[in-house]
PDB file of N, CA and C in Angstrom:
ATOM      1  N   MET A   1       0.819  -1.185   0.000  1.00  0.00           N
ATOM      2  CA  MET A   1       0.000   0.000   0.000  1.00  0.00           C
ATOM      3  C   MET A   1       0.870   1.258   0.000  1.00  0.00           C
ATOM      4  N   ALA A   2       1.929   1.267   0.811  1.00  0.00           N
ATOM      5  CA  ALA A   2       2.817   2.423   0.843  1.00  0.00           C
ATOM      6  C   ALA A   2       3.496   2.605  -0.506  1.00  0.00           C
ATOM      7  N   PHE A   3       3.891   1.495  -1.138  1.00  0.00           N
ATOM      8  CA  PHE A   3       4.535   1.583  -2.443  1.00  0.00           C
ATOM      9  C   PHE A   3       3.598   2.208  -3.464  1.00  0.00           C
ATOM     10  N   GLN A   4       2.328   1.804  -3.451  1.00  0.00           N
ATOM     11  CA  GLN A   4       1.352   2.367  -4.383  1.00  0.00           C
ATOM     12  C   GLN A   4       1.229   3.873  -4.174  1.00  0.00           C
ATOM     13  N   TYR A   5       1.169   4.293  -2.919  1.00  0.00           N
ATOM     14  CA  TYR A   5       1.057   5.720  -2.625  1.00  0.00           C
ATOM     15  C   TYR A   5       2.288   6.463  -3.129  1.00  0.00           C
ATOM     16  N   LEU A   6       3.471   5.970  -2.778  1.00  0.00           N
ATOM     17  CA  LEU A   6       4.693   6.656  -3.174  1.00  0.00           C
ATOM     18  C   LEU A   6       4.879   6.669  -4.681  1.00  0.00           C
ATOM     19  N   SER A   7       4.512   5.593  -5.354  1.00  0.00           N
ATOM     20  CA  SER A   7       4.681   5.554  -6.803  1.00  0.00           C
ATOM     21  C   SER A   7       3.668   6.443  -7.518  1.00  0.00           C
ATOM     22  N   SER A   8       2.608   6.839  -6.837  1.00  0.00           N
ATOM     23  CA  SER A   8       1.614   7.711  -7.462  1.00  0.00           C
ATOM     24  C   SER A   8       1.938   9.187  -7.272  1.00  0.00           C
ATOM     25  N   GLN A   9       2.962   9.504  -6.496  1.00  0.00           N
ATOM     26  CA  GLN A   9       3.311  10.888  -6.234  1.00  0.00           C
ATOM     27  C   GLN A   9       3.978  11.519  -7.456  1.00  0.00           C
ATOM     28  N   PRO A  10       3.838  12.850  -7.582  1.00  0.00           N
ATOM     29  CA  PRO A  10       4.347  13.528  -8.780  1.00  0.00           C
ATOM     30  C   PRO A  10       5.844  13.797  -8.761  1.00  0.00           C
ATOM     31  N   VAL A  11       6.587  13.201  -7.836  1.00  0.00           N
ATOM     32  CA  VAL A  11       8.016  13.470  -7.744  1.00  0.00           C
ATOM     33  C   VAL A  11       8.831  12.244  -8.130  1.00  0.00           C
ATOM     34  N   LEU A  12      10.013  12.507  -8.630  1.00  0.00           N
ATOM     35  CA  LEU A  12      10.946  11.433  -8.954  1.00  0.00           C
ATOM     36  C   LEU A  12      11.633  10.959  -7.678  1.00  0.00           C
ATOM     37  N   PRO A  13      12.049   9.706  -7.617  1.00  0.00           N
ATOM     38  CA  PRO A  13      12.881   9.275  -6.494  1.00  0.00           C
ATOM     39  C   PRO A  13      14.216  10.018  -6.589  1.00  0.00           C
ATOM     40  N   LEU A  14      14.650  10.619  -5.503  1.00  0.00           N
ATOM     41  CA  LEU A  14      15.848  11.450  -5.532  1.00  0.00           C
ATOM     42  C   LEU A  14      16.898  10.932  -4.564  1.00  0.00           C
ATOM     43  N   SER A  15      18.151  11.062  -4.969  1.00  0.00           N
ATOM     44  CA  SER A  15      19.248  10.771  -4.052  1.00  0.00           C
ATOM     45  C   SER A  15      19.444  11.994  -3.163  1.00  0.00           C
ATOM     46  N   SER A  16      20.210  11.837  -2.107  1.00  0.00           N
ATOM     47  CA  SER A  16      20.462  12.979  -1.224  1.00  0.00           C
ATOM     48  C   SER A  16      21.226  14.077  -1.967  1.00  0.00           C
ATOM     49  N   GLU A  17      22.071  13.691  -2.919  1.00  0.00           N
ATOM     50  CA  GLU A  17      22.814  14.684  -3.698  1.00  0.00           C
ATOM     51  C   GLU A  17      21.873  15.487  -4.598  1.00  0.00           C
ATOM     52  N   GLN A  18      20.913  14.802  -5.222  1.00  0.00           N
ATOM     53  CA  GLN A  18      19.954  15.498  -6.083  1.00  0.00           C
ATOM     54  C   GLN A  18      19.077  16.443  -5.264  1.00  0.00           C
ATOM     55  N   LEU A  19      18.684  15.998  -4.092  1.00  0.00           N
ATOM     56  CA  LEU A  19      17.868  16.836  -3.224  1.00  0.00           C
ATOM     57  C   LEU A  19      18.663  18.057  -2.773  1.00  0.00           C
ATOM     58  N   GLN A  20      19.927  17.862  -2.417  1.00  0.00           N
ATOM     59  CA  GLN A  20      20.770  18.984  -2.010  1.00  0.00           C
ATOM     60  C   GLN A  20      20.962  19.959  -3.169  1.00  0.00           C
ATOM     61  N   GLN A  21      21.098  19.445  -4.383  1.00  0.00           N
ATOM     62  CA  GLN A  21      21.234  20.312  -5.553  1.00  0.00           C
ATOM     63  C   GLN A  21      19.975  21.162  -5.733  1.00  0.00           C
ATOM     64  N   PHE A  22      18.804  20.566  -5.528  1.00  0.00           N
ATOM     65  CA  PHE A  22      17.540  21.305  -5.604  1.00  0.00           C
ATOM     66  C   PHE A  22      17.516  22.405  -4.550  1.00  0.00           C
ATOM     67  N   PHE A  23      17.917  22.074  -3.321  1.00  0.00           N
ATOM     68  CA  PHE A  23      17.950  23.071  -2.247  1.00  0.00           C
ATOM     69  C   PHE A  23      18.930  24.195  -2.586  1.00  0.00           C
ATOM     70  N   ASP A  24      20.088  23.836  -3.133  1.00  0.00           N
ATOM     71  CA  ASP A  24      21.084  24.844  -3.503  1.00  0.00           C
ATOM     72  C   ASP A  24      20.560  25.775  -4.591  1.00  0.00           C
ATOM     73  N   THR A  25      19.795  25.230  -5.525  1.00  0.00           N
ATOM     74  CA  THR A  25      19.217  26.038  -6.599  1.00  0.00           C
ATOM     75  C   THR A  25      18.322  27.132  -6.033  1.00  0.00           C
ATOM     76  N   LEU A  26      17.611  26.811  -4.963  1.00  0.00           N
ATOM     77  CA  LEU A  26      16.657  27.761  -4.380  1.00  0.00           C
ATOM     78  C   LEU A  26      17.223  28.537  -3.197  1.00  0.00           C
ATOM     79  N   GLN A  27      18.510  28.383  -2.915  1.00  0.00           N
ATOM     80  CA  GLN A  27      19.143  29.023  -1.764  1.00  0.00           C
ATOM     81  C   GLN A  27      18.979  30.546  -1.774  1.00  0.00           C
ATOM     82  N   ALA A  28      19.031  31.162  -2.923  1.00  0.00           N
ATOM     83  CA  ALA A  28      18.942  32.623  -3.027  1.00  0.00           C
ATOM     84  C   ALA A  28      17.615  33.176  -2.511  1.00  0.00           C
ATOM     85  N   TYR A  29      16.589  32.322  -2.440  1.00  0.00           N
ATOM     86  CA  TYR A  29      15.265  32.792  -2.031  1.00  0.00           C
ATOM     87  C   TYR A  29      15.029  32.673  -0.527  1.00  0.00           C
ATOM     88  N   ARG A  30      16.021  32.184   0.200  1.00  0.00           N
ATOM     89  CA  ARG A  30      15.967  32.097   1.665  1.00  0.00           C
ATOM     90  C   ARG A  30      14.694  31.419   2.171  1.00  0.00           C
ATOM     91  N   LEU A  31      14.390  30.291   1.586  1.00  0.00           N
ATOM     92  CA  LEU A  31      13.241  29.511   2.026  1.00  0.00           C
ATOM     93  C   LEU A  31      13.624  28.728   3.277  1.00  0.00           C
ATOM     94  N   THR A  32      12.650  28.485   4.138  1.00  0.00           N
ATOM     95  CA  THR A  32      12.924  27.695   5.336  1.00  0.00           C
ATOM     96  C   THR A  32      13.126  26.235   4.949  1.00  0.00           C
ATOM     97  N   ARG A  33      13.699  25.484   5.863  1.00  0.00           N
ATOM     98  CA  ARG A  33      13.911  24.056   5.618  1.00  0.00           C
ATOM     99  C   ARG A  33      12.571  23.360   5.364  1.00  0.00           C
ATOM    100  N   GLY A  34      11.566  23.722   6.141  1.00  0.00           N
ATOM    101  CA  GLY A  34      10.237  23.135   5.962  1.00  0.00           C
ATOM    102  C   GLY A  34       9.648  23.451   4.600  1.00  0.00           C
ATOM    103  N   GLU A  35       9.828  24.691   4.146  1.00  0.00           N
ATOM    104  CA  GLU A  35       9.314  25.079   2.826  1.00  0.00           C
ATOM    105  C   GLU A  35      10.023  24.304   1.720  1.00  0.00           C
ATOM    106  N   LEU A  36      11.338  24.161   1.844  1.00  0.00           N
ATOM    107  CA  LEU A  36      12.094  23.411   0.838  1.00  0.00           C
ATOM    108  C   LEU A  36      11.649  21.952   0.784  1.00  0.00           C
ATOM    109  N   LEU A  37      11.460  21.355   1.949  1.00  0.00           N
ATOM    110  CA  LEU A  37      11.026  19.956   1.984  1.00  0.00           C
ATOM    111  C   LEU A  37       9.628  19.794   1.406  1.00  0.00           C
ATOM    112  N   GLN A  38       8.742  20.732   1.707  1.00  0.00           N
ATOM    113  CA  GLN A  38       7.392  20.654   1.145  1.00  0.00           C
ATOM    114  C   GLN A  38       7.421  20.812  -0.369  1.00  0.00           C
ATOM    115  N   LEU A  39       8.246  21.723  -0.861  1.00  0.00           N
ATOM    116  CA  LEU A  39       8.362  21.889  -2.313  1.00  0.00           C
ATOM    117  C   LEU A  39       8.886  20.607  -2.957  1.00  0.00           C
ATOM    118  N   ALA A  40       9.850  19.974  -2.313  1.00  0.00           N
ATOM    119  CA  ALA A  40      10.406  18.730  -2.851  1.00  0.00           C
ATOM    120  C   ALA A  40       9.383  17.602  -2.809  1.00  0.00           C
ATOM    121  N   ASN A  41       8.576  17.548  -1.768  1.00  0.00           N
ATOM    122  CA  ASN A  41       7.593  16.469  -1.628  1.00  0.00           C
ATOM    123  C   ASN A  41       6.353  16.677  -2.481  1.00  0.00           C
ATOM    124  N   LEU A  42       5.895  17.914  -2.586  1.00  0.00           N
ATOM    125  CA  LEU A  42       4.639  18.185  -3.286  1.00  0.00           C
ATOM    126  C   LEU A  42       4.816  18.462  -4.772  1.00  0.00           C
ATOM    127  N   ALA A  43       6.004  18.890  -5.169  1.00  0.00           N
ATOM    128  CA  ALA A  43       6.294  19.213  -6.566  1.00  0.00           C
ATOM    129  C   ALA A  43       5.208  20.090  -7.183  1.00  0.00           C
ATOM    130  N   PRO A  44       5.058  21.324  -6.695  1.00  0.00           N
ATOM    131  CA  PRO A  44       4.003  22.193  -7.223  1.00  0.00           C
ATOM    132  C   PRO A  44       4.194  22.483  -8.706  1.00  0.00           C
ATOM    133  N   VAL A  45       3.068  22.604  -9.409  1.00  0.00           N
ATOM    134  CA  VAL A  45       3.123  22.900 -10.840  1.00  0.00           C
ATOM    135  C   VAL A  45       2.439  24.221 -11.171  1.00  0.00           C
ATOM    136  N   THR A  46       1.824  24.851 -10.185  1.00  0.00           N
ATOM    137  CA  THR A  46       1.182  26.146 -10.410  1.00  0.00           C
ATOM    138  C   THR A  46       1.648  27.138  -9.354  1.00  0.00           C
ATOM    139  N   ALA A  47       1.506  28.415  -9.674  1.00  0.00           N
ATOM    140  CA  ALA A  47       1.879  29.468  -8.736  1.00  0.00           C
ATOM    141  C   ALA A  47       1.049  29.383  -7.457  1.00  0.00           C
ATOM    142  N   VAL A  48      -0.201  29.010  -7.575  1.00  0.00           N
ATOM    143  CA  VAL A  48      -1.069  28.889  -6.400  1.00  0.00           C
ATOM    144  C   VAL A  48      -0.499  27.865  -5.426  1.00  0.00           C
ATOM    145  N   GLU A  49      -0.008  26.753  -5.945  1.00  0.00           N
ATOM    146  CA  GLU A  49       0.564  25.720  -5.080  1.00  0.00           C
ATOM    147  C   GLU A  49       1.813  26.223  -4.368  1.00  0.00           C
ATOM    148  N   VAL A  50       2.627  27.021  -5.038  1.00  0.00           N
ATOM    149  CA  VAL A  50       3.810  27.598  -4.393  1.00  0.00           C
ATOM    150  C   VAL A  50       3.369  28.543  -3.284  1.00  0.00           C
ATOM    151  N   HIS A  51       2.342  29.343  -3.543  1.00  0.00           N
ATOM    152  CA  HIS A  51       1.832  30.275  -2.533  1.00  0.00           C
ATOM    153  C   HIS A  51       1.311  29.534  -1.306  1.00  0.00           C
ATOM    154  N   LEU A  52       0.784  28.340  -1.481  1.00  0.00           N
ATOM    155  CA  LEU A  52       0.287  27.559  -0.350  1.00  0.00           C
ATOM    156  C   LEU A  52       1.420  27.016   0.518  1.00  0.00           C
ATOM    157  N   VAL A  53       2.591  26.844  -0.057  1.00  0.00           N
ATOM    158  CA  VAL A  53       3.727  26.278   0.671  1.00  0.00           C
ATOM    159  C   VAL A  53       4.594  27.362   1.307  1.00  0.00           C
ATOM    160  N   VAL A  54       4.829  28.452   0.589  1.00  0.00           N
ATOM    161  CA  VAL A  54       5.757  29.489   1.040  1.00  0.00           C
ATOM    162  C   VAL A  54       4.991  30.602   1.752  1.00  0.00           C
ATOM    163  N   ALA A  55       5.325  30.819   3.009  1.00  0.00           N
ATOM    164  CA  ALA A  55       4.681  31.870   3.793  1.00  0.00           C
ATOM    165  C   ALA A  55       5.043  33.243   3.235  1.00  0.00           C
ATOM    166  N   ASP A  56       4.058  34.125   3.148  1.00  0.00           N
ATOM    167  CA  ASP A  56       4.239  35.492   2.653  1.00  0.00           C
ATOM    168  C   ASP A  56       4.970  35.480   1.304  1.00  0.00           C
ATOM    169  N   CYS A  57       4.514  34.612   0.452  1.00  0.00           N
ATOM    170  CA  CYS A  57       5.175  34.317  -0.818  1.00  0.00           C
ATOM    171  C   CYS A  57       5.344  35.552  -1.704  1.00  0.00           C
ATOM    172  N   GLU A  58       4.298  36.339  -1.836  1.00  0.00           N
ATOM    173  CA  GLU A  58       4.357  37.499  -2.735  1.00  0.00           C
ATOM    174  C   GLU A  58       5.455  38.470  -2.319  1.00  0.00           C
ATOM    175  N   ALA A  59       5.564  38.740  -1.031  1.00  0.00           N
ATOM    176  CA  ALA A  59       6.575  39.674  -0.545  1.00  0.00           C
ATOM    177  C   ALA A  59       7.980  39.072  -0.608  1.00  0.00           C
ATOM    178  N   ARG A  60       8.098  37.794  -0.312  1.00  0.00           N
ATOM    179  CA  ARG A  60       9.414  37.159  -0.250  1.00  0.00           C
ATOM    180  C   ARG A  60       9.959  36.760  -1.612  1.00  0.00           C
ATOM    181  N   LEU A  61       9.103  36.286  -2.502  1.00  0.00           N
ATOM    182  CA  LEU A  61       9.577  35.775  -3.784  1.00  0.00           C
ATOM    183  C   LEU A  61       9.222  36.660  -4.964  1.00  0.00           C
ATOM    184  N   GLY A  62       8.019  37.208  -4.941  1.00  0.00           N
ATOM    185  CA  GLY A  62       7.539  37.936  -6.104  1.00  0.00           C
ATOM    186  C   GLY A  62       7.229  36.966  -7.231  1.00  0.00           C
ATOM    187  N   GLU A  63       6.754  37.499  -8.325  1.00  0.00           N
ATOM    188  CA  GLU A  63       6.367  36.649  -9.454  1.00  0.00           C
ATOM    189  C   GLU A  63       7.569  35.930 -10.064  1.00  0.00           C
ATOM    190  N   ALA A  64       8.691  36.638 -10.166  1.00  0.00           N
ATOM    191  CA  ALA A  64       9.890  36.028 -10.748  1.00  0.00           C
ATOM    192  C   ALA A  64      10.395  34.877  -9.884  1.00  0.00           C
ATOM    193  N   GLY A  65      10.352  35.043  -8.578  1.00  0.00           N
ATOM    194  CA  GLY A  65      10.790  33.985  -7.673  1.00  0.00           C
ATOM    195  C   GLY A  65       9.895  32.760  -7.744  1.00  0.00           C
ATOM    196  N   VAL A  66       8.587  32.998  -7.809  1.00  0.00           N
ATOM    197  CA  VAL A  66       7.641  31.887  -7.930  1.00  0.00           C
ATOM    198  C   VAL A  66       7.914  31.124  -9.220  1.00  0.00           C
ATOM    199  N   ASN A  67       8.140  31.849 -10.299  1.00  0.00           N
ATOM    200  CA  ASN A  67       8.444  31.194 -11.581  1.00  0.00           C
ATOM    201  C   ASN A  67       9.760  30.419 -11.513  1.00  0.00           C
ATOM    202  N   ALA A  68      10.740  30.952 -10.781  1.00  0.00           N
ATOM    203  CA  ALA A  68      12.014  30.249 -10.619  1.00  0.00           C
ATOM    204  C   ALA A  68      11.829  28.963  -9.818  1.00  0.00           C
ATOM    205  N   VAL A  69      10.993  29.018  -8.782  1.00  0.00           N
ATOM    206  CA  VAL A  69      10.702  27.817  -7.991  1.00  0.00           C
ATOM    207  C   VAL A  69      10.033  26.771  -8.874  1.00  0.00           C
ATOM    208  N   LEU A  70       9.042  27.193  -9.641  1.00  0.00           N
ATOM    209  CA  LEU A  70       8.338  26.260 -10.531  1.00  0.00           C
ATOM    210  C   LEU A  70       9.293  25.647 -11.559  1.00  0.00           C
ATOM    211  N   ALA A  71      10.206  26.456 -12.085  1.00  0.00           N
ATOM    212  CA  ALA A  71      11.174  25.949 -13.063  1.00  0.00           C
ATOM    213  C   ALA A  71      12.117  24.935 -12.418  1.00  0.00           C
ATOM    214  N   ALA A  72      12.568  25.219 -11.195  1.00  0.00           N
ATOM    215  CA  ALA A  72      13.461  24.292 -10.492  1.00  0.00           C
ATOM    216  C   ALA A  72      12.751  22.979 -10.192  1.00  0.00           C
ATOM    217  N   VAL A  73      11.505  23.062  -9.769  1.00  0.00           N
ATOM    218  CA  VAL A  73      10.728  21.847  -9.490  1.00  0.00           C
ATOM    219  C   VAL A  73      10.558  21.036 -10.769  1.00  0.00           C
ATOM    220  N   ALA A  74      10.186  21.703 -11.854  1.00  0.00           N
ATOM    221  CA  ALA A  74       9.962  21.003 -13.121  1.00  0.00           C
ATOM    222  C   ALA A  74      11.246  20.344 -13.627  1.00  0.00           C
ATOM    223  N   ALA A  75      12.375  21.015 -13.457  1.00  0.00           N
ATOM    224  CA  ALA A  75      13.636  20.501 -13.979  1.00  0.00           C
ATOM    225  C   ALA A  75      14.252  19.409 -13.105  1.00  0.00           C
ATOM    226  N   GLN A  76      14.069  19.509 -11.776  1.00  0.00           N
ATOM    227  CA  GLN A  76      14.831  18.634 -10.890  1.00  0.00           C
ATOM    228  C   GLN A  76      13.997  17.667 -10.058  1.00  0.00           C
ATOM    229  N   ILE A  77      12.717  17.955  -9.866  1.00  0.00           N
ATOM    230  CA  ILE A  77      11.919  17.177  -8.921  1.00  0.00           C
ATOM    231  C   ILE A  77      10.773  16.424  -9.584  1.00  0.00           C
ATOM    232  N   ALA A  78      10.002  17.110 -10.402  1.00  0.00           N
ATOM    233  CA  ALA A  78       8.753  16.552 -10.930  1.00  0.00           C
ATOM    234  C   ALA A  78       9.006  15.456 -11.959  1.00  0.00           C
ATOM    235  N   ARG A  79       8.074  14.512 -12.003  1.00  0.00           N
ATOM    236  CA  ARG A  79       8.112  13.484 -13.046  1.00  0.00           C
ATOM    237  C   ARG A  79       7.802  14.149 -14.378  1.00  0.00           C
ATOM    238  N   PRO A  80       8.370  13.649 -15.468  1.00  0.00           N
ATOM    239  CA  PRO A  80       8.001  14.172 -16.788  1.00  0.00           C
ATOM    240  C   PRO A  80       6.500  13.979 -17.020  1.00  0.00           C
ATOM    241  N   PRO A  81       5.833  14.918 -17.698  1.00  0.00           N
ATOM    242  CA  PRO A  81       4.377  14.834 -17.895  1.00  0.00           C
ATOM    243  C   PRO A  81       3.912  13.522 -18.514  1.00  0.00           C
ATOM    244  N   GLU A  82       4.650  12.977 -19.479  1.00  0.00           N
ATOM    245  CA  GLU A  82       4.213  11.733 -20.109  1.00  0.00           C
ATOM    246  C   GLU A  82       4.281  10.564 -19.125  1.00  0.00           C
ATOM    247  N   GLU A  83       5.281  10.561 -18.253  1.00  0.00           N
ATOM    248  CA  GLU A  83       5.380   9.501 -17.245  1.00  0.00           C
ATOM    249  C   GLU A  83       4.263   9.643 -16.215  1.00  0.00           C
ATOM    250  N   GLU A  84       3.934  10.866 -15.853  1.00  0.00           N
ATOM    251  CA  GLU A  84       2.846  11.115 -14.901  1.00  0.00           C
ATOM    252  C   GLU A  84       1.512  10.651 -15.483  1.00  0.00           C
ATOM    253  N   ALA A  85       1.288  10.890 -16.773  1.00  0.00           N
ATOM    254  CA  ALA A  85       0.042  10.462 -17.416  1.00  0.00           C
ATOM    255  C   ALA A  85      -0.057   8.936 -17.433  1.00  0.00           C
ATOM    256  N   GLU A  86       1.061   8.264 -17.683  1.00  0.00           N
ATOM    257  CA  GLU A  86       1.069   6.801 -17.667  1.00  0.00           C
ATOM    258  C   GLU A  86       0.723   6.274 -16.285  1.00  0.00           C
ATOM    259  N   ARG A  87       1.297   6.870 -15.246  1.00  0.00           N
ATOM    260  CA  ARG A  87       1.029   6.434 -13.873  1.00  0.00           C
ATOM    261  C   ARG A  87      -0.422   6.676 -13.503  1.00  0.00           C
ATOM    262  N   ALA A  88      -0.990   7.779 -13.941  1.00  0.00           N
ATOM    263  CA  ALA A  88      -2.396   8.073 -13.642  1.00  0.00           C
ATOM    264  C   ALA A  88      -3.295   7.041 -14.305  1.00  0.00           C
ATOM    265  N   GLY A  89      -2.981   6.652 -15.515  1.00  0.00           N
ATOM    266  CA  GLY A  89      -3.770   5.643 -16.221  1.00  0.00           C
ATOM    267  C   GLY A  89      -3.683   4.287 -15.552  1.00  0.00           C
ATOM    268  N   GLU A  90      -2.497   3.919 -15.074  1.00  0.00           N
ATOM    269  CA  GLU A  90      -2.324   2.642 -14.379  1.00  0.00           C
ATOM    270  C   GLU A  90      -3.102   2.630 -13.074  1.00  0.00           C
ATOM    271  N   GLY A  91      -3.080   3.730 -12.349  1.00  0.00           N
ATOM    272  CA  GLY A  91      -3.778   3.812 -11.069  1.00  0.00           C
ATOM    273  C   GLY A  91      -5.271   3.696 -11.232  1.00  0.00           C
ATOM    274  N   GLU A  92      -5.828   4.311 -12.266  1.00  0.00           N
ATOM    275  CA  GLU A  92      -7.270   4.252 -12.492  1.00  0.00           C
ATOM    276  C   GLU A  92      -7.696   2.841 -12.866  1.00  0.00           C
ATOM    277  N   ALA A  93      -6.914   2.178 -13.703  1.00  0.00           N
ATOM    278  CA  ALA A  93      -7.267   0.821 -14.121  1.00  0.00           C
ATOM    279  C   ALA A  93      -7.199  -0.129 -12.932  1.00  0.00           C
ATOM    280  N   GLY A  94      -6.183   0.010 -12.102  1.00  0.00           N
ATOM    281  CA  GLY A  94      -6.032  -0.861 -10.943  1.00  0.00           C
ATOM    282  C   GLY A  94      -7.108  -0.620  -9.907  1.00  0.00           C
ATOM    283  N   ASP A  95      -7.508   0.629  -9.693  1.00  0.00           N
ATOM    284  CA  ASP A  95      -8.522   0.938  -8.692  1.00  0.00           C
ATOM    285  C   ASP A  95      -9.873   0.377  -9.085  1.00  0.00           C
ATOM    286  N   GLY A  96     -10.235   0.467 -10.344  1.00  0.00           N
ATOM    287  CA  GLY A  96     -11.546   0.007 -10.791  1.00  0.00           C
ATOM    288  C   GLY A  96     -11.696  -1.493 -10.643  1.00  0.00           C
ATOM    289  N   ALA A  97     -10.646  -2.239 -10.971  1.00  0.00           N
ATOM    290  CA  ALA A  97     -10.730  -3.698 -10.882  1.00  0.00           C
ATOM    291  C   ALA A  97     -10.834  -4.142  -9.431  1.00  0.00           C
ATOM    292  N   GLY A  98     -10.081  -3.500  -8.555  1.00  0.00           N
ATOM    293  CA  GLY A  98     -10.097  -3.875  -7.146  1.00  0.00           C
ATOM    294  C   GLY A  98     -11.432  -3.602  -6.498  1.00  0.00           C
ATOM    295  N   GLU A  99     -12.082  -2.511  -6.862  1.00  0.00           N
ATOM    296  CA  GLU A  99     -13.364  -2.169  -6.259  1.00  0.00           C
ATOM    297  C   GLU A  99     -14.436  -3.151  -6.674  1.00  0.00           C
ATOM    298  N   GLY A 100     -14.421  -3.574  -7.935  1.00  0.00           N
ATOM    299  CA  GLY A 100     -15.425  -4.515  -8.421  1.00  0.00           C
ATOM    300  C   GLY A 100     -15.295  -5.862  -7.732  1.00  0.00           C
ATOM    301  N   GLU A 101     -14.063  -6.303  -7.512  1.00  0.00           N
ATOM    302  CA  GLU A 101     -13.847  -7.586  -6.857  1.00  0.00           C
ATOM    303  C   GLU A 101     -14.302  -7.541  -5.412  1.00  0.00           C
ATOM    304  N   GLU A 102     -13.996  -6.450  -4.718  1.00  0.00           N
ATOM    305  CA  GLU A 102     -14.385  -6.332  -3.320  1.00  0.00           C
ATOM    306  C   GLU A 102     -15.894  -6.312  -3.174  1.00  0.00           C
ATOM    307  N   GLY A 103     -16.567  -5.599  -4.058  1.00  0.00           N
ATOM    308  CA  GLY A 103     -18.018  -5.502  -3.988  1.00  0.00           C
ATOM    309  C   GLY A 103     -18.667  -6.854  -4.197  1.00  0.00           C
ATOM    310  N   GLY A 104     -18.118  -7.658  -5.115  1.00  0.00           N
ATOM    311  CA  GLY A 104     -18.673  -8.978  -5.399  1.00  0.00           C
ATOM    312  C   GLY A 104     -18.524  -9.913  -4.207  1.00  0.00           C
ATOM    313  N   GLU A 105     -17.381  -9.831  -3.521  1.00  0.00           N
ATOM    314  CA  GLU A 105     -17.162 -10.692  -2.369  1.00  0.00           C
ATOM    315  C   GLU A 105     -18.092 -10.320  -1.228  1.00  0.00           C
ATOM    316  N   GLY A 106     -18.312  -9.032  -1.033  1.00  0.00           N
ATOM    317  CA  GLY A 106     -19.161  -8.566   0.060  1.00  0.00           C
ATOM    318  C   GLY A 106     -20.604  -8.986  -0.135  1.00  0.00           C
ATOM    319  N   GLU A 107     -21.060  -9.025  -1.375  1.00  0.00           N
ATOM    320  CA  GLU A 107     -22.451  -9.381  -1.650  1.00  0.00           C
ATOM    321  C   GLU A 107     -22.683 -10.874  -1.439  1.00  0.00           C
ATOM    322  N   GLY A 108     -21.687 -11.698  -1.738  1.00  0.00           N
ATOM    323  CA  GLY A 108     -21.844 -13.140  -1.625  1.00  0.00           C
ATOM    324  C   GLY A 108     -21.749 -13.627  -0.183  1.00  0.00           C
ATOM    325  N   ALA A 109     -21.118 -12.864   0.688  1.00  0.00           N
ATOM    326  CA  ALA A 109     -20.897 -13.311   2.069  1.00  0.00           C
ATOM    327  C   ALA A 109     -22.052 -13.138   2.952  1.00  0.00           C
TER     328      ALA A 109
END
């Protein structure tokens, strides 16, 4: 179950070196450790998502900073869009089959 959850997340598996490189890329924006970890875990793809993670985002980052964060996430953290679409399709197919089987067993018991 944990594997299914982790494999469905929008982030690539990262080594500690890759994660440190991501943090170094965003060092100029003086983000807190918690903000950096949330960005790495959530892999935001919209400005709204960055605003939800970074406190007082508009004052601290501005539009250019938000765009830089999104670019860093897209380049270093996020799964490629085609791989994400494949994973979404696999998850939907697997969920539908499992639900039908469970429902059938419950009705017969």
